[in-house]
Structure formats: C-alpha cells, structure tokens
PDB file of N, CA and C in Angstrom:
ATOM      1  N   MET A   1      15.756 -27.752  11.951  1.00  0.00           N
ATOM      2  CA  MET A   1      14.488 -28.377  10.375  1.00  0.00           C
ATOM      3  C   MET A   1      14.848 -27.792   9.170  1.00  0.00           C
ATOM      4  N   SER A   2      15.038 -28.002   7.888  1.00  0.00           N
ATOM      5  CA  SER A   2      14.263 -27.546   6.576  1.00  0.00           C
ATOM      6  C   SER A   2      13.882 -28.099   5.891  1.00  0.00           C
ATOM      7  N   VAL A   3      13.160 -27.531   5.040  1.00  0.00           N
ATOM      8  CA  VAL A   3      11.979 -28.522   4.109  1.00  0.00           C
ATOM      9  C   VAL A   3      12.108 -28.604   2.916  1.00  0.00           C
ATOM     10  N   ALA A   4      12.134 -29.014   1.643  1.00  0.00           N
ATOM     11  CA  ALA A   4      12.614 -28.776   0.309  1.00  0.00           C
ATOM     12  C   ALA A   4      11.008 -28.269  -0.496  1.00  0.00           C
ATOM     13  N   ILE A   5      11.487 -27.609  -0.879  1.00  0.00           N
ATOM     14  CA  ILE A   5      10.026 -26.772  -1.994  1.00  0.00           C
ATOM     15  C   ILE A   5      10.123 -27.093  -2.956  1.00  0.00           C
ATOM     16  N   THR A   6       9.442 -27.041  -4.127  1.00  0.00           N
ATOM     17  CA  THR A   6       9.854 -26.848  -5.372  1.00  0.00           C
ATOM     18  C   THR A   6       9.019 -25.802  -5.966  1.00  0.00           C
ATOM     19  N   VAL A   7      10.043 -24.762  -6.804  1.00  0.00           N
ATOM     20  CA  VAL A   7       8.635 -23.675  -6.966  1.00  0.00           C
ATOM     21  C   VAL A   7       9.159 -23.471  -8.682  1.00  0.00           C
ATOM     22  N   GLN A   8       8.141 -23.097  -9.469  1.00  0.00           N
ATOM     23  CA  GLN A   8       8.613 -23.172 -11.157  1.00  0.00           C
ATOM     24  C   GLN A   8       8.796 -21.479 -11.066  1.00  0.00           C
ATOM     25  N   VAL A   9       9.432 -20.853 -11.569  1.00  0.00           N
ATOM     26  CA  VAL A   9       9.787 -19.694 -11.900  1.00  0.00           C
ATOM     27  C   VAL A   9       9.775 -19.760 -13.486  1.00  0.00           C
ATOM     28  N   PRO A  10       9.865 -18.327 -14.042  1.00  0.00           N
ATOM     29  CA  PRO A  10      10.123 -17.777 -15.405  1.00  0.00           C
ATOM     30  C   PRO A  10      11.616 -18.086 -15.769  1.00  0.00           C
ATOM     31  N   ASP A  11      11.530 -18.715 -17.345  1.00  0.00           N
ATOM     32  CA  ASP A  11      12.992 -18.741 -17.006  1.00  0.00           C
ATOM     33  C   ASP A  11      14.125 -17.532 -17.407  1.00  0.00           C
ATOM     34  N   ALA A  12      13.674 -16.400 -17.082  1.00  0.00           N
ATOM     35  CA  ALA A  12      14.732 -15.404 -17.227  1.00  0.00           C
ATOM     36  C   ALA A  12      14.871 -15.282 -15.743  1.00  0.00           C
ATOM     37  N   LEU A  13      13.938 -15.570 -14.768  1.00  0.00           N
ATOM     38  CA  LEU A  13      14.569 -15.316 -13.349  1.00  0.00           C
ATOM     39  C   LEU A  13      15.149 -16.771 -13.128  1.00  0.00           C
ATOM     40  N   ALA A  14      14.923 -17.713 -13.255  1.00  0.00           N
ATOM     41  CA  ALA A  14      15.936 -19.380 -13.439  1.00  0.00           C
ATOM     42  C   ALA A  14      17.285 -18.771 -13.596  1.00  0.00           C
ATOM     43  N   VAL A  15      17.346 -18.151 -15.050  1.00  0.00           N
ATOM     44  CA  VAL A  15      18.893 -17.638 -15.100  1.00  0.00           C
ATOM     45  C   VAL A  15      19.501 -16.723 -13.994  1.00  0.00           C
ATOM     46  N   HIS A  16      18.827 -15.587 -13.376  1.00  0.00           N
ATOM     47  CA  HIS A  16      19.151 -15.051 -12.233  1.00  0.00           C
ATOM     48  C   HIS A  16      19.679 -16.039 -11.173  1.00  0.00           C
ATOM     49  N   LEU A  17      18.588 -16.820 -11.087  1.00  0.00           N
ATOM     50  CA  LEU A  17      18.412 -17.266  -9.697  1.00  0.00           C
ATOM     51  C   LEU A  17      19.865 -18.729  -9.642  1.00  0.00           C
ATOM     52  N   GLU A  18      20.167 -19.131 -10.876  1.00  0.00           N
ATOM     53  CA  GLU A  18      21.205 -19.988 -10.861  1.00  0.00           C
ATOM     54  C   GLU A  18      22.927 -19.656  -9.915  1.00  0.00           C
ATOM     55  N   GLN A  19      22.905 -18.075 -10.504  1.00  0.00           N
ATOM     56  CA  GLN A  19      24.300 -17.659 -10.025  1.00  0.00           C
ATOM     57  C   GLN A  19      23.917 -17.672  -8.315  1.00  0.00           C
ATOM     58  N   PHE A  20      22.980 -17.493  -7.627  1.00  0.00           N
ATOM     59  CA  PHE A  20      23.156 -17.409  -6.115  1.00  0.00           C
ATOM     60  C   PHE A  20      22.040 -19.045  -5.876  1.00  0.00           C
ATOM     61  N   GLY A  21      22.465 -20.068  -6.343  1.00  0.00           N
ATOM     62  CA  GLY A  21      21.646 -21.055  -5.681  1.00  0.00           C
ATOM     63  C   GLY A  21      22.263 -21.633  -4.255  1.00  0.00           C
ATOM     64  N   ASP A  22      23.224 -21.221  -3.765  1.00  0.00           N
ATOM     65  CA  ASP A  22      23.189 -21.583  -2.623  1.00  0.00           C
ATOM     66  C   ASP A  22      22.977 -20.976  -1.999  1.00  0.00           C
ATOM     67  N   ARG A  23      22.564 -19.696  -2.075  1.00  0.00           N
ATOM     68  CA  ARG A  23      21.670 -18.068  -1.371  1.00  0.00           C
ATOM     69  C   ARG A  23      20.411 -18.288  -1.584  1.00  0.00           C
ATOM     70  N   LEU A  24      19.561 -19.340  -1.894  1.00  0.00           N
ATOM     71  CA  LEU A  24      17.970 -18.916  -2.215  1.00  0.00           C
ATOM     72  C   LEU A  24      17.226 -19.420  -0.698  1.00  0.00           C
ATOM     73  N   PRO A  25      18.103 -20.066   0.084  1.00  0.00           N
ATOM     74  CA  PRO A  25      17.122 -19.530   1.618  1.00  0.00           C
ATOM     75  C   PRO A  25      17.664 -18.254   2.149  1.00  0.00           C
ATOM     76  N   ASP A  26      18.363 -17.693   1.422  1.00  0.00           N
ATOM     77  CA  ASP A  26      18.604 -16.052   2.145  1.00  0.00           C
ATOM     78  C   ASP A  26      17.960 -15.263   1.294  1.00  0.00           C
ATOM     79  N   ILE A  27      17.725 -15.477  -0.110  1.00  0.00           N
ATOM     80  CA  ILE A  27      17.210 -14.745  -0.742  1.00  0.00           C
ATOM     81  C   ILE A  27      15.527 -14.774  -0.119  1.00  0.00           C
ATOM     82  N   LEU A  28      14.774 -16.237  -0.311  1.00  0.00           N
ATOM     83  CA  LEU A  28      13.768 -16.256   0.455  1.00  0.00           C
ATOM     84  C   LEU A  28      12.909 -15.678   1.594  1.00  0.00           C
ATOM     85  N   GLU A  29      14.308 -15.326   2.428  1.00  0.00           N
ATOM     86  CA  GLU A  29      13.987 -14.874   3.670  1.00  0.00           C
ATOM     87  C   GLU A  29      14.494 -13.269   3.727  1.00  0.00           C
ATOM     88  N   ARG A  30      14.812 -12.847   3.117  1.00  0.00           N
ATOM     89  CA  ARG A  30      15.200 -11.263   2.662  1.00  0.00           C
ATOM     90  C   ARG A  30      13.716 -11.043   1.991  1.00  0.00           C
ATOM     91  N   GLY A  31      13.341 -11.310   1.307  1.00  0.00           N
ATOM     92  CA  GLY A  31      11.645 -11.288   0.106  1.00  0.00           C
ATOM     93  C   GLY A  31      10.754 -11.060   0.966  1.00  0.00           C
ATOM     94  N   LEU A  32      10.547 -12.074   2.109  1.00  0.00           N
ATOM     95  CA  LEU A  32       9.824 -11.999   2.888  1.00  0.00           C
ATOM     96  C   LEU A  32       9.345 -11.624   3.663  1.00  0.00           C
ATOM     97  N   ARG A  33      11.049 -10.767   4.158  1.00  0.00           N
ATOM     98  CA  ARG A  33      11.058  -9.558   5.588  1.00  0.00           C
ATOM     99  C   ARG A  33      10.438  -8.925   4.812  1.00  0.00           C
ATOM    100  N   ASP A  34      10.661  -8.148   3.353  1.00  0.00           N
ATOM    101  CA  ASP A  34      10.703  -7.032   2.584  1.00  0.00           C
ATOM    102  C   ASP A  34       9.000  -6.884   2.317  1.00  0.00           C
ATOM    103  N   LEU A  35       8.419  -7.883   2.222  1.00  0.00           N
ATOM    104  CA  LEU A  35       7.063  -8.070   1.843  1.00  0.00           C
ATOM    105  C   LEU A  35       6.163  -7.963   3.327  1.00  0.00           C
ATOM    106  N   VAL A  36       6.921  -8.409   4.536  1.00  0.00           N
ATOM    107  CA  VAL A  36       6.136  -8.305   5.354  1.00  0.00           C
ATOM    108  C   VAL A  36       6.393  -6.828   6.160  1.00  0.00           C
ATOM    109  N   THR A  37       7.349  -6.291   5.506  1.00  0.00           N
ATOM    110  CA  THR A  37       7.849  -4.827   5.861  1.00  0.00           C
ATOM    111  C   THR A  37       6.637  -3.698   5.337  1.00  0.00           C
ATOM    112  N   GLU A  38       6.634  -4.329   3.707  1.00  0.00           N
ATOM    113  CA  GLU A  38       5.986  -3.204   2.965  1.00  0.00           C
ATOM    114  C   GLU A  38       4.589  -3.661   3.789  1.00  0.00           C
ATOM    115  N   ARG A  39       3.771  -4.278   3.696  1.00  0.00           N
ATOM    116  CA  ARG A  39       2.702  -4.750   4.295  1.00  0.00           C
ATOM    117  C   ARG A  39       2.234  -3.737   5.400  1.00  0.00           C
ATOM    118  N   LEU A  40       3.487  -4.141   6.373  1.00  0.00           N
ATOM    119  CA  LEU A  40       3.395  -3.202   8.009  1.00  0.00           C
ATOM    120  C   LEU A  40       3.454  -1.542   7.357  1.00  0.00           C
ATOM    121  N   ASP A  41       3.919  -1.203   6.835  1.00  0.00           N
ATOM    122  CA  ASP A  41       4.173   0.142   6.243  1.00  0.00           C
ATOM    123  C   ASP A  41       2.875   0.520   5.567  1.00  0.00           C
ATOM    124  N   THR A  42       2.225  -0.419   4.932  1.00  0.00           N
ATOM    125  CA  THR A  42       1.115   0.008   4.613  1.00  0.00           C
ATOM    126  C   THR A  42      -0.220   0.243   5.367  1.00  0.00           C
ATOM    127  N   ILE A  43      -0.112  -0.685   6.279  1.00  0.00           N
ATOM    128  CA  ILE A  43      -1.391  -0.939   7.482  1.00  0.00           C
ATOM    129  C   ILE A  43      -0.903  -0.063   7.894  1.00  0.00           C
ATOM    130  N   HIS A  44      -0.058   1.034   8.400  1.00  0.00           N
ATOM    131  CA  HIS A  44       0.211   1.877   9.383  1.00  0.00           C
ATOM    132  C   HIS A  44      -0.323   2.886   8.745  1.00  0.00           C
ATOM    133  N   ASP A  45       0.009   3.343   7.560  1.00  0.00           N
ATOM    134  CA  ASP A  45      -0.554   4.461   6.877  1.00  0.00           C
ATOM    135  C   ASP A  45      -2.131   4.582   6.844  1.00  0.00           C
ATOM    136  N   GLU A  46      -2.951   3.387   6.297  1.00  0.00           N
ATOM    137  CA  GLU A  46      -4.099   3.455   6.740  1.00  0.00           C
ATOM    138  C   GLU A  46      -4.737   3.367   7.965  1.00  0.00           C
ATOM    139  N   GLN A  47      -3.747   3.124   8.521  1.00  0.00           N
ATOM    140  CA  GLN A  47      -4.176   3.072  10.586  1.00  0.00           C
ATOM    141  C   GLN A  47      -4.200   4.895  10.542  1.00  0.00           C
ATOM    142  N   VAL A  48      -3.184   5.506  10.076  1.00  0.00           N
ATOM    143  CA  VAL A  48      -2.780   6.636  10.428  1.00  0.00           C
ATOM    144  C   VAL A  48      -3.686   7.423  10.261  1.00  0.00           C
ATOM    145  N   ILE A  49      -4.322   7.425   8.809  1.00  0.00           N
ATOM    146  CA  ILE A  49      -5.684   8.205   8.600  1.00  0.00           C
ATOM    147  C   ILE A  49      -6.945   8.031   8.932  1.00  0.00           C
ATOM    148  N   ILE A  50      -7.277   6.640   9.180  1.00  0.00           N
ATOM    149  CA  ILE A  50      -8.208   6.409  10.126  1.00  0.00           C
ATOM    150  C   ILE A  50      -8.593   6.869  11.416  1.00  0.00           C
ATOM    151  N   GLU A  51      -7.470   7.271  12.421  1.00  0.00           N
ATOM    152  CA  GLU A  51      -7.077   7.630  13.529  1.00  0.00           C
ATOM    153  C   GLU A  51      -7.320   8.921  13.608  1.00  0.00           C
ATOM    154  N   VAL A  52      -7.024   9.594  12.352  1.00  0.00           N
ATOM    155  CA  VAL A  52      -7.382  10.953  12.322  1.00  0.00           C
ATOM    156  C   VAL A  52      -8.500  11.299  11.957  1.00  0.00           C
ATOM    157  N   LEU A  53      -9.200  10.403  10.593  1.00  0.00           N
ATOM    158  CA  LEU A  53     -10.514  10.432  10.349  1.00  0.00           C
ATOM    159  C   LEU A  53     -11.777  10.368  11.839  1.00  0.00           C
ATOM    160  N   ALA A  54     -11.287   9.922  12.989  1.00  0.00           N
ATOM    161  CA  ALA A  54     -11.812   9.227  13.843  1.00  0.00           C
ATOM    162  C   ALA A  54     -11.638  10.233  15.527  1.00  0.00           C
ATOM    163  N   SER A  55     -10.549  10.676  15.085  1.00  0.00           N
ATOM    164  CA  SER A  55     -10.612  11.986  16.300  1.00  0.00           C
ATOM    165  C   SER A  55     -10.938  13.425  15.806  1.00  0.00           C
ATOM    166  N   GLN A  56     -12.173  13.276  15.121  1.00  0.00           N
ATOM    167  CA  GLN A  56     -12.386  14.769  14.987  1.00  0.00           C
ATOM    168  C   GLN A  56     -12.048  15.540  15.167  1.00  0.00           C
ATOM    169  N   PRO A  57     -10.842  15.598  13.781  1.00  0.00           N
ATOM    170  CA  PRO A  57     -10.207  16.903  13.774  1.00  0.00           C
ATOM    171  C   PRO A  57     -10.331  17.967  13.632  1.00  0.00           C
ATOM    172  N   SER A  58      -9.852  19.184  13.949  1.00  0.00           N
ATOM    173  CA  SER A  58     -10.340  20.510  13.491  1.00  0.00           C
ATOM    174  C   SER A  58     -10.207  20.688  11.788  1.00  0.00           C
ATOM    175  N   PRO A  59     -10.982  20.884  11.546  1.00  0.00           N
ATOM    176  CA  PRO A  59     -11.127  21.705   9.532  1.00  0.00           C
ATOM    177  C   PRO A  59      -9.680  21.412   9.201  1.00  0.00           C
ATOM    178  N   GLU A  60      -9.184  22.782   9.482  1.00  0.00           N
ATOM    179  CA  GLU A  60      -7.883  23.117   9.432  1.00  0.00           C
ATOM    180  C   GLU A  60      -6.812  21.305   9.410  1.00  0.00           C
ATOM    181  N   GLN A  61      -6.902  20.706  10.868  1.00  0.00           N
ATOM    182  CA  GLN A  61      -6.378  19.773  10.620  1.00  0.00           C
ATOM    183  C   GLN A  61      -6.670  18.650   9.591  1.00  0.00           C
ATOM    184  N   MET A  62      -7.822  18.470   8.872  1.00  0.00           N
ATOM    185  CA  MET A  62      -8.804  17.501   8.457  1.00  0.00           C
ATOM    186  C   MET A  62      -8.245  18.428   6.658  1.00  0.00           C
ATOM    187  N   LEU A  63      -7.969  19.731   6.434  1.00  0.00           N
ATOM    188  CA  LEU A  63      -7.262  20.371   5.579  1.00  0.00           C
ATOM    189  C   LEU A  63      -5.678  19.753   5.035  1.00  0.00           C
ATOM    190  N   ALA A  64      -5.145  19.831   5.679  1.00  0.00           N
ATOM    191  CA  ALA A  64      -3.628  19.084   6.077  1.00  0.00           C
ATOM    192  C   ALA A  64      -3.722  17.604   5.690  1.00  0.00           C
ATOM    193  N   LEU A  65      -4.087  17.006   5.893  1.00  0.00           N
ATOM    194  CA  LEU A  65      -4.387  15.266   5.882  1.00  0.00           C
ATOM    195  C   LEU A  65      -4.187  15.233   4.725  1.00  0.00           C
ATOM    196  N   GLN A  66      -2.606  14.654   3.916  1.00  0.00           N
ATOM    197  CA  GLN A  66      -1.579  13.953   3.700  1.00  0.00           C
ATOM    198  C   GLN A  66      -1.229  12.700   3.595  1.00  0.00           C
ATOM    199  N   PRO A  67      -1.359  11.767   2.540  1.00  0.00           N
ATOM    200  CA  PRO A  67      -1.065  10.255   2.352  1.00  0.00           C
ATOM    201  C   PRO A  67       0.548  10.500   2.587  1.00  0.00           C
ATOM    202  N   SER A  68       1.213   9.578   3.196  1.00  0.00           N
ATOM    203  CA  SER A  68       3.100   9.596   2.839  1.00  0.00           C
ATOM    204  C   SER A  68       3.014   9.585   1.485  1.00  0.00           C
ATOM    205  N   LEU A  69       4.312   9.840   1.186  1.00  0.00           N
ATOM    206  CA  LEU A  69       5.128   9.367  -0.108  1.00  0.00           C
ATOM    207  C   LEU A  69       4.805   8.510  -0.770  1.00  0.00           C
ATOM    208  N   GLU A  70       5.037   7.508   0.132  1.00  0.00           N
ATOM    209  CA  GLU A  70       5.284   5.346  -0.063  1.00  0.00           C
ATOM    210  C   GLU A  70       3.705   5.540  -0.363  1.00  0.00           C
ATOM    211  N   LEU A  71       2.754   6.109   0.292  1.00  0.00           N
ATOM    212  CA  LEU A  71       1.268   5.301  -0.151  1.00  0.00           C
ATOM    213  C   LEU A  71       0.971   6.187  -1.197  1.00  0.00           C
ATOM    214  N   GLN A  72       1.342   6.873  -2.028  1.00  0.00           N
ATOM    215  CA  GLN A  72       0.909   7.915  -2.774  1.00  0.00           C
ATOM    216  C   GLN A  72       1.663   7.298  -3.914  1.00  0.00           C
ATOM    217  N   THR A  73       2.610   6.201  -3.966  1.00  0.00           N
ATOM    218  CA  THR A  73       3.461   5.739  -5.100  1.00  0.00           C
ATOM    219  C   THR A  73       2.625   4.608  -5.157  1.00  0.00           C
ATOM    220  N   ARG A  74       2.730   3.859  -3.956  1.00  0.00           N
ATOM    221  CA  ARG A  74       1.868   2.240  -3.970  1.00  0.00           C
ATOM    222  C   ARG A  74       0.686   2.946  -4.741  1.00  0.00           C
ATOM    223  N   VAL A  75      -0.427   3.576  -4.784  1.00  0.00           N
ATOM    224  CA  VAL A  75      -1.379   3.973  -5.378  1.00  0.00           C
ATOM    225  C   VAL A  75      -1.536   3.968  -6.492  1.00  0.00           C
ATOM    226  N   SER A  76      -0.195   5.153  -6.529  1.00  0.00           N
ATOM    227  CA  SER A  76       0.082   5.301  -7.973  1.00  0.00           C
ATOM    228  C   SER A  76       0.019   3.751  -9.002  1.00  0.00           C
ATOM    229  N   SER A  77       0.938   3.340  -8.625  1.00  0.00           N
ATOM    230  CA  SER A  77       1.579   1.847  -9.106  1.00  0.00           C
ATOM    231  C   SER A  77       0.340   0.736  -9.373  1.00  0.00           C
ATOM    232  N   LEU A  78      -0.590   0.978  -8.308  1.00  0.00           N
ATOM    233  CA  LEU A  78      -1.498   0.178  -8.390  1.00  0.00           C
ATOM    234  C   LEU A  78      -2.396   0.442  -9.489  1.00  0.00           C
ATOM    235  N   LEU A  79      -2.629   1.636  -9.644  1.00  0.00           N
ATOM    236  CA  LEU A  79      -3.611   1.989 -10.102  1.00  0.00           C
ATOM    237  C   LEU A  79      -3.308   2.167 -12.242  1.00  0.00           C
ATOM    238  N   ALA A  80      -1.929   2.266 -12.039  1.00  0.00           N
ATOM    239  CA  ALA A  80      -1.381   2.121 -13.301  1.00  0.00           C
ATOM    240  C   ALA A  80      -1.363   0.437 -13.721  1.00  0.00           C
ATOM    241  N   ARG A  81      -1.117  -0.441 -13.125  1.00  0.00           N
ATOM    242  CA  ARG A  81      -1.458  -1.896 -12.868  1.00  0.00           C
ATOM    243  C   ARG A  81      -2.753  -2.217 -13.544  1.00  0.00           C
ATOM    244  N   SER A  82      -3.629  -1.416 -12.770  1.00  0.00           N
ATOM    245  CA  SER A  82      -4.605  -2.143 -12.926  1.00  0.00           C
ATOM    246  C   SER A  82      -5.375  -1.343 -14.500  1.00  0.00           C
ATOM    247  N   LYS A  83      -5.227  -0.476 -15.038  1.00  0.00           N
ATOM    248  CA  LYS A  83      -5.442  -0.123 -16.289  1.00  0.00           C
ATOM    249  C   LYS A  83      -4.496  -1.066 -16.946  1.00  0.00           C
ATOM    250  N   GLU A  84      -3.646  -1.884 -17.116  1.00  0.00           N
ATOM    251  CA  GLU A  84      -3.098  -2.824 -17.735  1.00  0.00           C
ATOM    252  C   GLU A  84      -4.244  -4.206 -17.415  1.00  0.00           C
ATOM    253  N   GLY A  85      -4.912  -4.296 -16.340  1.00  0.00           N
ATOM    254  CA  GLY A  85      -5.205  -5.622 -16.148  1.00  0.00           C
ATOM    255  C   GLY A  85      -4.070  -6.155 -15.624  1.00  0.00           C
ATOM    256  N   ASP A  86      -3.486  -6.186 -14.746  1.00  0.00           N
ATOM    257  CA  ASP A  86      -2.258  -6.775 -14.582  1.00  0.00           C
ATOM    258  C   ASP A  86      -2.005  -6.678 -12.739  1.00  0.00           C
ATOM    259  N   LEU A  87      -3.288  -6.960 -12.449  1.00  0.00           N
ATOM    260  CA  LEU A  87      -3.585  -7.206 -10.530  1.00  0.00           C
ATOM    261  C   LEU A  87      -4.342  -8.052 -10.062  1.00  0.00           C
ATOM    262  N   SER A  88      -3.024  -8.851  -9.447  1.00  0.00           N
ATOM    263  CA  SER A  88      -3.864  -9.875  -8.923  1.00  0.00           C
ATOM    264  C   SER A  88      -4.920  -9.830  -7.821  1.00  0.00           C
ATOM    265  N   ARG A  89      -6.035 -10.741  -7.255  1.00  0.00           N
ATOM    266  CA  ARG A  89      -6.858 -10.212  -6.356  1.00  0.00           C
ATOM    267  C   ARG A  89      -6.648  -9.365  -5.395  1.00  0.00           C
ATOM    268  N   ARG A  90      -5.776  -9.996  -4.786  1.00  0.00           N
ATOM    269  CA  ARG A  90      -5.061  -9.210  -3.488  1.00  0.00           C
ATOM    270  C   ARG A  90      -4.818  -7.619  -3.821  1.00  0.00           C
ATOM    271  N   GLU A  91      -4.622  -7.350  -4.697  1.00  0.00           N
ATOM    272  CA  GLU A  91      -3.774  -6.185  -4.973  1.00  0.00           C
ATOM    273  C   GLU A  91      -5.288  -5.358  -5.685  1.00  0.00           C
ATOM    274  N   GLU A  92      -6.195  -5.753  -5.937  1.00  0.00           N
ATOM    275  CA  GLU A  92      -7.373  -5.582  -6.416  1.00  0.00           C
ATOM    276  C   GLU A  92      -7.873  -4.718  -5.059  1.00  0.00           C
ATOM    277  N   ARG A  93      -8.011  -5.804  -3.957  1.00  0.00           N
ATOM    278  CA  ARG A  93      -8.687  -5.456  -2.831  1.00  0.00           C
ATOM    279  C   ARG A  93      -7.890  -4.629  -2.499  1.00  0.00           C
ATOM    280  N   GLU A  94      -6.670  -4.487  -2.410  1.00  0.00           N
ATOM    281  CA  GLU A  94      -5.792  -3.820  -1.654  1.00  0.00           C
ATOM    282  C   GLU A  94      -6.143  -2.002  -2.251  1.00  0.00           C
ATOM    283  N   LEU A  95      -6.229  -2.094  -3.633  1.00  0.00           N
ATOM    284  CA  LEU A  95      -6.283  -1.158  -4.244  1.00  0.00           C
ATOM    285  C   LEU A  95      -7.646  -0.034  -4.033  1.00  0.00           C
ATOM    286  N   GLU A  96      -9.106  -1.235  -4.146  1.00  0.00           N
ATOM    287  CA  GLU A  96     -10.376  -0.855  -3.694  1.00  0.00           C
ATOM    288  C   GLU A  96     -10.298  -0.270  -2.445  1.00  0.00           C
ATOM    289  N   ARG A  97      -9.097  -0.824  -1.038  1.00  0.00           N
ATOM    290  CA  ARG A  97      -9.144  -0.234  -0.138  1.00  0.00           C
ATOM    291  C   ARG A  97      -8.679   1.308   0.061  1.00  0.00           C
ATOM    292  N   TYR A  98      -7.685   1.302  -0.788  1.00  0.00           N
ATOM    293  CA  TYR A  98      -7.236   2.767  -0.582  1.00  0.00           C
ATOM    294  C   TYR A  98      -8.222   4.093  -1.667  1.00  0.00           C
ATOM    295  N   LEU A  99      -9.018   3.622  -2.370  1.00  0.00           N
ATOM    296  CA  LEU A  99      -9.446   4.377  -3.375  1.00  0.00           C
ATOM    297  C   LEU A  99     -10.827   4.728  -2.028  1.00  0.00           C
ATOM    298  N   THR A 100     -11.287   3.606  -1.366  1.00  0.00           N
ATOM    299  CA  THR A 100     -12.462   4.137  -0.438  1.00  0.00           C
ATOM    300  C   THR A 100     -12.634   4.928   0.459  1.00  0.00           C
ATOM    301  N   LEU A 101     -10.804   4.462   1.100  1.00  0.00           N
ATOM    302  CA  LEU A 101     -10.134   5.703   2.065  1.00  0.00           C
ATOM    303  C   LEU A 101     -10.133   7.221   1.428  1.00  0.00           C
ATOM    304  N   GLU A 102      -9.641   6.559   0.402  1.00  0.00           N
ATOM    305  CA  GLU A 102      -9.289   8.462  -0.340  1.00  0.00           C
ATOM    306  C   GLU A 102     -10.764   8.435  -0.194  1.00  0.00           C
ATOM    307  N   HIS A 103     -11.789   8.303  -1.352  1.00  0.00           N
ATOM    308  CA  HIS A 103     -13.232   9.025  -1.552  1.00  0.00           C
ATOM    309  C   HIS A 103     -13.661   9.195   0.285  1.00  0.00           C
ATOM    310  N   LEU A 104     -13.283   8.836   1.210  1.00  0.00           N
ATOM    311  CA  LEU A 104     -14.080   8.896   2.639  1.00  0.00           C
ATOM    312  C   LEU A 104     -13.050  10.801   3.359  1.00  0.00           C
ATOM    313  N   VAL A 105     -11.860  10.241   3.117  1.00  0.00           N
ATOM    314  CA  VAL A 105     -10.781  11.340   3.506  1.00  0.00           C
ATOM    315  C   VAL A 105     -11.260  12.798   2.170  1.00  0.00           C
ATOM    316  N   ARG A 106     -11.706  12.869   0.893  1.00  0.00           N
ATOM    317  CA  ARG A 106     -12.544  13.758  -0.037  1.00  0.00           C
ATOM    318  C   ARG A 106     -13.188  14.260   0.503  1.00  0.00           C
ATOM    319  N   MET A 107     -14.643  13.270   1.172  1.00  0.00           N
ATOM    320  CA  MET A 107     -15.655  13.783   1.695  1.00  0.00           C
ATOM    321  C   MET A 107     -15.322  14.934   3.289  1.00  0.00           C
ATOM    322  N   ALA A 108     -14.116  14.086   3.822  1.00  0.00           N
ATOM    323  CA  ALA A 108     -14.323  14.862   4.979  1.00  0.00           C
ATOM    324  C   ALA A 108     -13.560  16.119   4.886  1.00  0.00           C
ATOM    325  N   LYS A 109     -12.810  16.342   3.562  1.00  0.00           N
ATOM    326  CA  LYS A 109     -12.432  17.574   3.594  1.00  0.00           C
ATOM    327  C   LYS A 109     -13.256  18.650   2.901  1.00  0.00           C
ATOM    328  N   ALA A 110     -13.811  17.925   2.148  1.00  0.00           N
ATOM    329  CA  ALA A 110     -14.708  19.107   1.001  1.00  0.00           C
ATOM    330  C   ALA A 110     -15.894  19.722   2.430  1.00  0.00           C
ATOM    331  N   HIS A 111     -15.879  18.811   3.360  1.00  0.00           N
ATOM    332  CA  HIS A 111     -16.677  19.272   4.961  1.00  0.00           C
ATOM    333  C   HIS A 111     -15.912  19.986   5.246  1.00  0.00           C
ATOM    334  N   ALA A 112     -14.298  20.123   6.019  1.00  0.00           N
ATOM    335  CA  ALA A 112     -13.172  20.887   6.242  1.00  0.00           C
ATOM    336  C   ALA A 112     -13.858  22.497   5.735  1.00  0.00           C
ATOM    337  N   TYR A 113     -13.244  22.613   4.160  1.00  0.00           N
ATOM    338  CA  TYR A 113     -13.286  23.144   3.433  1.00  0.00           C
ATOM    339  C   TYR A 113     -14.089  23.989   3.673  1.00  0.00           C
ATOM    340  N   GLN A 114     -15.883  23.677   3.605  1.00  0.00           N
ATOM    341  CA  GLN A 114     -16.900  24.486   3.789  1.00  0.00           C
ATOM    342  C   GLN A 114     -16.993  24.895   5.190  1.00  0.00           C
ATOM    343  N   GLN A 115     -16.548  24.050   6.160  1.00  0.00           N
ATOM    344  CA  GLN A 115     -16.421  25.069   7.194  1.00  0.00           C
ATOM    345  C   GLN A 115     -15.383  26.596   7.599  1.00  0.00           C
ATOM    346  N   VAL A 116     -14.359  26.337   6.715  1.00  0.00           N
ATOM    347  CA  VAL A 116     -13.130  27.068   7.000  1.00  0.00           C
ATOM    348  C   VAL A 116     -13.436  28.582   5.842  1.00  0.00           C
ATOM    349  N   ILE A 117     -14.186  27.917   4.752  1.00  0.00           N
ATOM    350  CA  ILE A 117     -14.540  29.254   3.840  1.00  0.00           C
ATOM    351  C   ILE A 117     -16.091  29.787   4.586  1.00  0.00           C
ATOM    352  N   ALA A 118     -16.649  29.604   5.424  1.00  0.00           N
ATOM    353  CA  ALA A 118     -18.303  29.890   5.630  1.00  0.00           C
ATOM    354  C   ALA A 118     -18.770  28.890   6.779  1.00  0.00           C
ATOM    355  N   PRO A 119     -18.085  29.592   8.091  1.00  0.00           N
ATOM    356  CA  PRO A 119     -18.506  29.371   8.863  1.00  0.00           C
ATOM    357  C   PRO A 119     -19.887  29.792   9.896  1.00  0.00           C
ATOM    358  N   VAL A 120     -19.878  28.620  10.380  1.00  0.00           N
ATOM    359  CA  VAL A 120     -21.311  28.860  11.025  1.00  0.00           C
ATOM    360  C   VAL A 120     -21.388  29.676  12.348  1.00  0.00           C
TER     361      VAL A 120
END
C-alpha cells in the first residue's frame, strides 16, 4: 500500500530534491529513522542523568557526572538558535527540559562539593 502526499518545500530544497525524485520515499524513510534515533539518544541521556540522581550517588560520583558530547552539542545548538529566536515550540520545550535538568545537576553538585570539602 502507498499513499500520495503533497509537501511544500523552499525553492532551494526543491532544486536539490529534483535530482532524487525517484528516491524520495527512501530519503523520507532515512530522515525519519535519523530523527527517531536522535530522539532516543536524547531520551537516553536524560534518563541516565535522572537515574544517577535517583540512585543517591556518592559526592564523588555526583561531581564526576558529565553530559555526553552529543547532549552538550545539542544544548549548545538549541541555545544559539534560541538567542536568534529560531526555535520551534517543540525545541523550546526540549531546551527547557535540558535547562531544568542542568539546574538540578548543578544544585546536586554544589551539595556534593560541600560534602567533599567539609565532611560532616
């Protein structure tokens, strides 16, 4: 079964797509697969951080907690685009989640640091 769809794209993109007209279904499928994979990676990073926070880590473990390079890159990209006013609503929510998570991690690290330098 197949379904016909109509998509409006900018002229510059249309020029590029014309040369791949017979492969458009494959291009769409690959793009969707990449988006799903990207989303799963993002969820994975968030989930790992949440699991560490919930596991009551030692102060040393908490201080060692670092986001993946991919997550750092994504957040940097979203922040830069946010400053330009170029985020979709979904991206705004995504950035807000990251900033909230970062705030929680910073607070937990500050608490862990206090425990390391001035143990009770």
